[in-house]
Every structure is written in C-alpha cells, then in structure tokens.
Protein backbone atom coordinates (compact mmCIF):
# COMPACT_ATOMS: atom_id res chain seq x y z
CA MET A 1 -14.63 15.90 -11.30
CA SER A 2 -14.92 12.56 -13.08
CA LYS A 3 -18.20 10.67 -13.47
CA LEU A 4 -16.96 8.11 -10.95
CA ASP A 5 -16.12 10.89 -8.46
CA ALA A 6 -19.65 12.26 -8.81
CA GLU A 7 -21.34 8.88 -8.43
CA LEU A 8 -19.45 8.12 -5.22
CA THR A 9 -19.24 11.70 -3.88
CA VAL A 10 -15.49 11.62 -3.49
CA VAL A 11 -14.12 14.07 -0.91
CA GLU A 12 -10.52 15.23 -1.05
CA GLY A 13 -8.68 16.45 2.00
CA THR A 14 -5.61 16.42 4.22
CA LEU A 15 -5.10 14.76 7.59
CA ALA A 16 -2.67 15.93 10.27
CA HIS A 17 0.99 16.03 9.18
CA GLY A 18 -0.18 16.84 5.66
CA LEU A 19 -1.29 13.34 4.74
CA PRO A 20 -3.45 13.66 1.58
CA TYR A 21 -6.56 11.50 1.28
CA LEU A 22 -9.62 10.73 -0.80
CA ALA A 23 -12.76 9.60 1.05
CA PHE A 24 -15.82 7.91 -0.46
CA GLY A 25 -18.44 5.32 0.38
CA ALA A 26 -20.53 4.84 3.50
CA GLY A 27 -20.21 2.82 6.68
CA ARG A 28 -17.54 2.25 9.29
CA PRO A 29 -14.20 3.88 8.41
CA LEU A 30 -11.67 1.77 6.51
CA VAL A 31 -8.28 3.43 6.08
CA PHE A 32 -6.54 2.33 2.91
CA LEU A 33 -2.76 2.88 2.95
CA ARG A 34 -1.73 3.34 -0.65
CA TRP A 35 0.62 1.04 -2.51
CA PHE A 36 3.95 2.34 -3.81
CA SER A 37 3.18 5.79 -5.18
CA PRO A 38 6.00 8.00 -6.50
CA ASP A 39 4.10 11.19 -5.66
CA HIS A 40 3.04 11.90 -2.08
CA ALA A 41 -0.26 13.33 -3.25
CA ASN A 42 -3.73 12.22 -4.22
CA PRO A 43 -3.71 10.62 -7.67
CA THR A 44 -5.09 12.47 -10.68
CA GLY A 45 -6.40 11.52 -14.10
CA TRP A 46 -6.56 7.85 -15.01
CA MET A 47 -4.64 6.86 -11.86
CA ARG A 48 -7.32 8.47 -9.69
CA THR A 49 -10.10 6.80 -11.67
CA SER A 50 -8.34 3.44 -11.43
CA GLU A 51 -7.86 3.71 -7.68
CA ILE A 52 -11.47 4.68 -7.02
CA LYS A 53 -12.75 1.92 -9.31
CA SER A 54 -10.56 -0.67 -7.58
CA LEU A 55 -11.83 0.35 -4.14
CA THR A 56 -15.49 0.75 -5.11
CA PRO A 57 -16.47 -2.80 -3.97
CA LEU A 58 -15.16 -1.90 -0.51
CA ALA A 59 -16.81 1.54 -0.62
CA ARG A 60 -20.18 -0.21 -0.86
CA ARG A 61 -19.55 -1.52 2.66
CA PHE A 62 -17.25 1.05 4.27
CA ARG A 63 -16.32 4.72 4.28
CA VAL A 64 -12.95 4.32 2.55
CA TYR A 65 -10.17 6.78 3.31
CA ALA A 66 -7.36 6.35 0.77
CA VAL A 67 -4.36 7.93 2.49
CA ASN A 68 -0.92 8.74 1.10
CA ARG A 69 2.37 9.61 2.70
CA ALA A 70 3.10 13.27 3.46
CA PRO A 71 4.92 15.41 0.87
CA GLY A 72 8.29 16.88 1.73
CA MET A 73 9.60 13.69 3.33
CA ALA A 74 12.98 14.34 4.92
CA GLU A 75 16.07 12.39 3.99
CA GLY A 76 16.67 9.67 6.57
CA THR A 77 12.99 9.20 7.42
CA THR A 78 12.27 5.67 8.69
CA MET A 79 9.18 3.52 8.36
CA ALA A 80 8.69 4.01 12.10
CA ASP A 81 8.67 7.79 11.56
CA ILE A 82 6.04 7.44 8.83
CA ALA A 83 3.95 5.15 11.02
CA ALA A 84 4.10 7.68 13.87
CA GLN A 85 2.76 10.41 11.57
CA HIS A 86 -0.10 8.17 10.48
CA ALA A 87 -0.94 7.18 14.05
CA ASP A 88 -1.15 10.83 15.11
CA ALA A 89 -3.29 11.66 12.08
CA LEU A 90 -5.70 8.75 12.51
CA LEU A 91 -6.15 9.28 16.25
CA ALA A 92 -6.82 12.97 15.60
CA GLU A 93 -9.37 12.25 12.86
CA PHE A 94 -11.32 9.35 14.36
CA ASP A 95 -12.84 8.66 17.75
CA GLY A 96 -10.88 5.45 18.29
CA PRO A 97 -8.96 2.71 16.52
CA VAL A 98 -9.96 2.08 12.91
CA ASP A 99 -9.73 -0.76 10.44
CA VAL A 100 -6.64 -0.48 8.22
CA LEU A 101 -5.96 -2.01 4.82
CA GLY A 102 -2.44 -1.82 3.42
CA ILE A 103 -1.53 -3.08 -0.04
CA SER A 104 2.07 -3.65 -1.21
CA SER A 105 4.15 -0.77 0.24
CA GLY A 106 1.05 0.29 2.17
CA GLY A 107 1.18 -3.14 3.80
CA SER A 108 4.70 -2.48 5.05
CA LEU A 109 3.43 0.72 6.62
CA GLY A 110 0.35 -1.03 8.03
CA LEU A 111 2.46 -3.63 9.81
CA GLN A 112 4.74 -0.95 11.27
CA LEU A 113 1.71 1.09 12.34
CA ALA A 114 0.05 -1.84 14.09
CA ALA A 115 3.27 -2.91 15.83
CA ASP A 116 4.20 0.58 17.06
CA HIS A 117 0.78 2.14 17.66
CA PRO A 118 -1.80 -0.48 18.68
CA ALA A 119 -4.24 2.20 19.86
CA ALA A 120 -4.70 3.37 16.26
CA VAL A 121 -5.58 0.03 14.64
CA ARG A 122 -8.73 -2.00 15.33
CA ARG A 123 -8.23 -4.70 12.69
CA LEU A 124 -5.53 -4.95 10.04
CA VAL A 125 -5.58 -6.33 6.50
CA ILE A 126 -2.30 -6.75 4.61
CA ALA A 127 -2.48 -7.63 0.91
CA ALA A 128 0.37 -8.40 -1.52
CA SER A 129 2.79 -7.45 1.24
CA GLY A 130 4.82 -8.97 4.04
CA TYR A 131 7.20 -8.50 6.93
CA ARG A 132 9.99 -7.27 4.63
CA LEU A 133 10.79 -6.66 0.97
CA GLU A 134 12.50 -9.45 -0.92
CA ASP A 135 15.93 -8.65 -2.36
CA ASP A 136 14.75 -8.29 -5.98
CA ALA A 137 11.91 -5.95 -5.03
CA ARG A 138 14.25 -3.89 -2.87
CA ALA A 139 16.77 -3.56 -5.71
CA ASN A 140 14.06 -2.68 -8.26
CA GLN A 141 12.60 0.09 -6.11
CA LEU A 142 15.98 1.55 -5.20
CA ASN A 143 17.18 1.52 -8.81
CA TYR A 144 13.95 3.23 -9.84
CA ALA A 145 14.12 5.89 -7.14
CA GLU A 146 17.79 6.69 -7.67
CA ALA A 147 17.36 6.94 -11.44
CA ALA A 148 14.31 9.21 -11.06
CA PHE A 149 16.16 11.40 -8.58
CA ALA A 150 19.04 11.72 -11.06
CA GLY A 151 16.62 12.69 -13.84
CA ARG A 152 17.13 9.50 -15.86
CA ARG A 153 14.55 7.09 -17.25
CA ALA A 154 13.47 5.01 -14.29
CA LEU A 155 10.09 3.31 -14.68
CA HIS A 156 11.47 0.20 -16.42
CA HIS A 157 13.28 -0.71 -13.21
CA MET A 158 9.88 -1.57 -11.69
CA ALA A 159 9.13 -4.22 -14.35
CA PRO A 160 9.28 -7.93 -13.41
CA ASN A 161 12.77 -9.43 -13.53
CA SER A 162 12.34 -12.15 -16.11
CA SER A 163 13.54 -13.16 -19.56
CA GLN A 164 10.00 -14.13 -20.59
CA LEU A 165 8.77 -12.32 -23.68
CA ARG A 166 5.79 -10.82 -21.82
CA ASP A 167 8.01 -9.31 -19.14
CA ARG A 168 10.49 -8.02 -21.72
CA LEU A 169 7.63 -6.28 -23.51
CA ILE A 170 6.41 -4.79 -20.24
CA THR A 171 9.92 -3.49 -19.54
CA ALA A 172 10.11 -1.86 -22.99
CA ALA A 173 6.66 -0.30 -22.58
CA MET A 174 7.57 1.13 -19.18
CA TRP A 175 10.81 2.56 -20.58
CA LEU A 176 8.82 4.34 -23.31
CA ALA A 177 6.15 5.57 -20.88
CA ASP A 178 8.62 6.95 -18.34
CA PRO A 179 8.59 10.62 -19.47
CA LEU A 180 4.82 10.74 -18.89
CA LEU A 181 4.94 9.25 -15.39
CA ARG A 182 7.88 10.85 -13.65
CA PRO A 183 7.44 11.86 -9.98
CA GLU A 184 6.79 15.52 -9.26
CA ASN A 185 9.22 15.42 -6.35
CA PRO A 186 11.72 12.58 -6.79
CA ALA A 187 13.25 13.41 -3.40
CA ASP A 188 10.02 12.18 -1.77
CA THR A 189 10.19 9.01 -3.83
CA LEU A 190 13.77 8.31 -2.83
CA ALA A 191 13.16 9.06 0.86
CA PHE A 192 10.26 6.61 1.04
CA VAL A 193 12.07 3.90 -0.92
CA ARG A 194 15.02 4.11 1.44
CA ALA A 195 12.66 3.85 4.41
CA GLU A 196 11.04 0.72 2.98
CA ASP A 197 14.45 -0.64 1.97
CA ALA A 198 15.40 -0.77 5.67
CA PHE A 199 11.99 -2.10 6.75
CA ASP A 200 12.12 -5.56 8.37
CA LEU A 201 9.52 -6.42 10.97
CA SER A 202 10.53 -10.05 11.44
CA ALA A 203 11.42 -9.48 15.11
CA ARG A 204 8.34 -7.35 15.81
CA LEU A 205 5.45 -9.35 14.36
CA GLY A 206 4.59 -10.69 17.80
CA ASP A 207 3.98 -7.11 18.99
CA ILE A 208 0.97 -6.74 16.70
CA GLU A 209 -2.15 -6.96 18.86
CA ALA A 210 -4.75 -6.24 16.19
CA PRO A 211 -6.41 -9.25 14.56
CA THR A 212 -4.78 -9.42 11.15
CA LEU A 213 -5.68 -10.86 7.76
CA VAL A 214 -2.83 -11.50 5.31
CA ILE A 215 -3.84 -11.93 1.66
CA GLY A 216 -1.36 -12.96 -1.01
CA GLY A 217 -1.24 -14.24 -4.55
CA GLU A 218 0.35 -17.60 -5.26
CA ARG A 219 2.24 -16.10 -8.20
CA ASP A 220 3.17 -12.75 -6.71
CA GLU A 221 6.18 -11.45 -8.64
CA PHE A 222 7.64 -9.64 -5.60
CA TYR A 223 6.63 -11.66 -2.53
CA PRO A 224 6.89 -15.47 -2.38
CA THR A 225 4.19 -17.33 -0.46
CA ALA A 226 6.81 -18.11 2.20
CA ASN A 227 6.90 -14.39 3.02
CA PHE A 228 3.11 -14.26 3.42
CA ARG A 229 3.16 -17.37 5.60
CA ARG A 230 5.95 -16.11 7.84
CA THR A 231 4.14 -12.80 8.26
CA ALA A 232 0.90 -14.50 9.28
CA ASP A 233 2.65 -17.07 11.48
CA GLY A 234 4.43 -14.33 13.42
CA ILE A 235 1.29 -12.37 14.32
CA PRO A 236 -0.54 -13.84 17.34
CA ASP A 237 -4.09 -13.38 16.01
CA SER A 238 -3.84 -13.79 12.25
CA HIS A 239 -5.50 -15.40 9.26
CA LEU A 240 -3.92 -16.19 5.89
CA ILE A 241 -5.54 -16.39 2.46
CA ILE A 242 -3.56 -17.32 -0.65
CA TYR A 243 -5.31 -16.84 -3.98
CA PRO A 244 -4.20 -19.54 -6.45
CA ASN A 245 -2.57 -18.50 -9.75
CA ILE A 246 -2.72 -14.79 -8.88
CA GLY A 247 0.08 -12.22 -9.23
CA HIS A 248 0.96 -9.09 -7.27
CA THR A 249 -1.46 -6.53 -8.69
CA ALA A 250 -4.23 -9.02 -9.50
CA VAL A 251 -4.93 -9.62 -5.80
CA LEU A 252 -6.89 -6.37 -5.66
CA THR A 253 -9.21 -7.41 -8.49
CA HIS A 254 -9.77 -10.97 -7.32
CA PRO A 255 -13.54 -11.63 -7.11
CA ARG A 256 -13.24 -12.66 -3.45
CA PHE A 257 -11.05 -9.74 -2.33
CA ALA A 258 -13.71 -7.30 -1.08
CA ARG A 259 -15.86 -10.11 0.30
CA ASP A 260 -12.98 -11.69 2.23
CA ILE A 261 -12.05 -8.33 3.74
CA ALA A 262 -15.63 -7.47 4.66
CA SER A 263 -16.14 -10.87 6.33
CA PHE A 264 -12.95 -10.51 8.33
CA LEU A 265 -13.68 -6.96 9.48
CA ALA A 266 -17.26 -7.88 10.44
CA ALA A 267 -16.11 -10.75 12.66
CA ALA A 268 -15.49 -8.51 15.68
C-alpha cells in the first residue's frame, strides 16, 4: 500500500460483470470511467499513484469509484455491450442513478451509458472526449492495439502526430519505453479499441436525458473544439466549458477542473 493509498483509505474491489474499481474519498458517489487503459484491471505502481493523485481534488468532495472495463473482453464487443455491463453493475451497487465522469475513452463510454441506460446516470460529465473519435485518434489507437496484439513495439503509435521536435522526442521516448508498458492481455486492448473505433453517437445525443457537462481543452491533440461543441449542442440539457491553451491530458490538472465539476454536480 502506498502512502497515498493509506492517506485516502483506498479500497479495491470488483463490481458485477468483473469490473475492477478503486474507491476513495467521502461524499455522494462519483463514478469515474477510466481513460484509455490497455489493461482491464486496476492500475499498479506509479500509474496507480498518478490516478489517485489526479482524482484527489474530487475525492475531497465525493466518494470516487474509479472503474475499468471487464477483463476477458470478447472479440466483437460493442460500446453498447460495454455500457450495458456498466449499467447492470452500477444499478446493482448503488440505490439509484449516480453521477458519472468519463475522461477520454471513458467519455465515449459515459455518453453511450447515458444514452442507452438513463436510469443509471444522474448527471454526466464528459472531459477530453466527444461524440466520436476523430480519424487520427482512431488510427493511432488501432495501430497501437494491432501492434501490441502482434507482439511488436506499439506505444509510439499513441504519440501526437506532428513533425514538431517535442512530439518527435515524445514518439522516440514512447518507442523506448514500450517493453516496460505492454498490456498483460493485448486481446482485451484490441477488443476495446475496435469497440471505440465503431463508436459514433452523433445520431443518439438527443437521447441523453441526464444533465451533462462537456469539458474540453482548446489545444486538445485528439479532439478539436468543434467535436466538443457538437457533443454539447446535441444533448438537450448540456453545458460546455473550453479551457484556453490546454491539451488533451492537461484538462485533468487544470486548476478549475474539480471546482467546475463539483459546481455542476451540486446544481441539482
């Protein structure tokens, strides 16, 4: 147990359908649907510490449940299938609908969950995510997952597509780090990537009944602001916040992030 685990009293468990979770903090439940995670398991080591640290500002206000997809994902699984598993698990665990926060790939799942299973979601927050993946992001994820499944170096495929020196250095660093960060079960990785590859909720946004907050960064490397705006515009009861000069991963560490979420969730 890390020092951070001890300070927050982190509890590890499994929801219905084998969904792994970490729970910490106090207050009304807030279900955090994890970003793209190669392993369908709770994070360990520095990745666990980083996740808990990132969510600590929210854990001061809520009982955070950081939930991952189930291991052993079957080939051909769809985002709707994954959302159905999560709806069953959340309704079995909690007395009623809960607040849901989805970041990046977790946002894709959150939108599908809210559209298909309104009884499971009280309020929805989507950050660094939108109604579908852009073409570059889709290609990056698929190239990564297929390379990992084939046993080749894969991590560099997730680097930003740019000729800028910074991005070229990031790509090289990820290529070197790949052997240390390979998925335990690359079949799970590939199954989820293919599910998100086919995800497009453009025709279903109007089905989302839960009040929704969409948060995006002006300089997101994977989602243009037009994607965030279309997502928010398509949901009947929605709010949009764009953080200026902020990229994809920096949204989570923005000084207003936890405060904006807490204010939105407290409005009801």
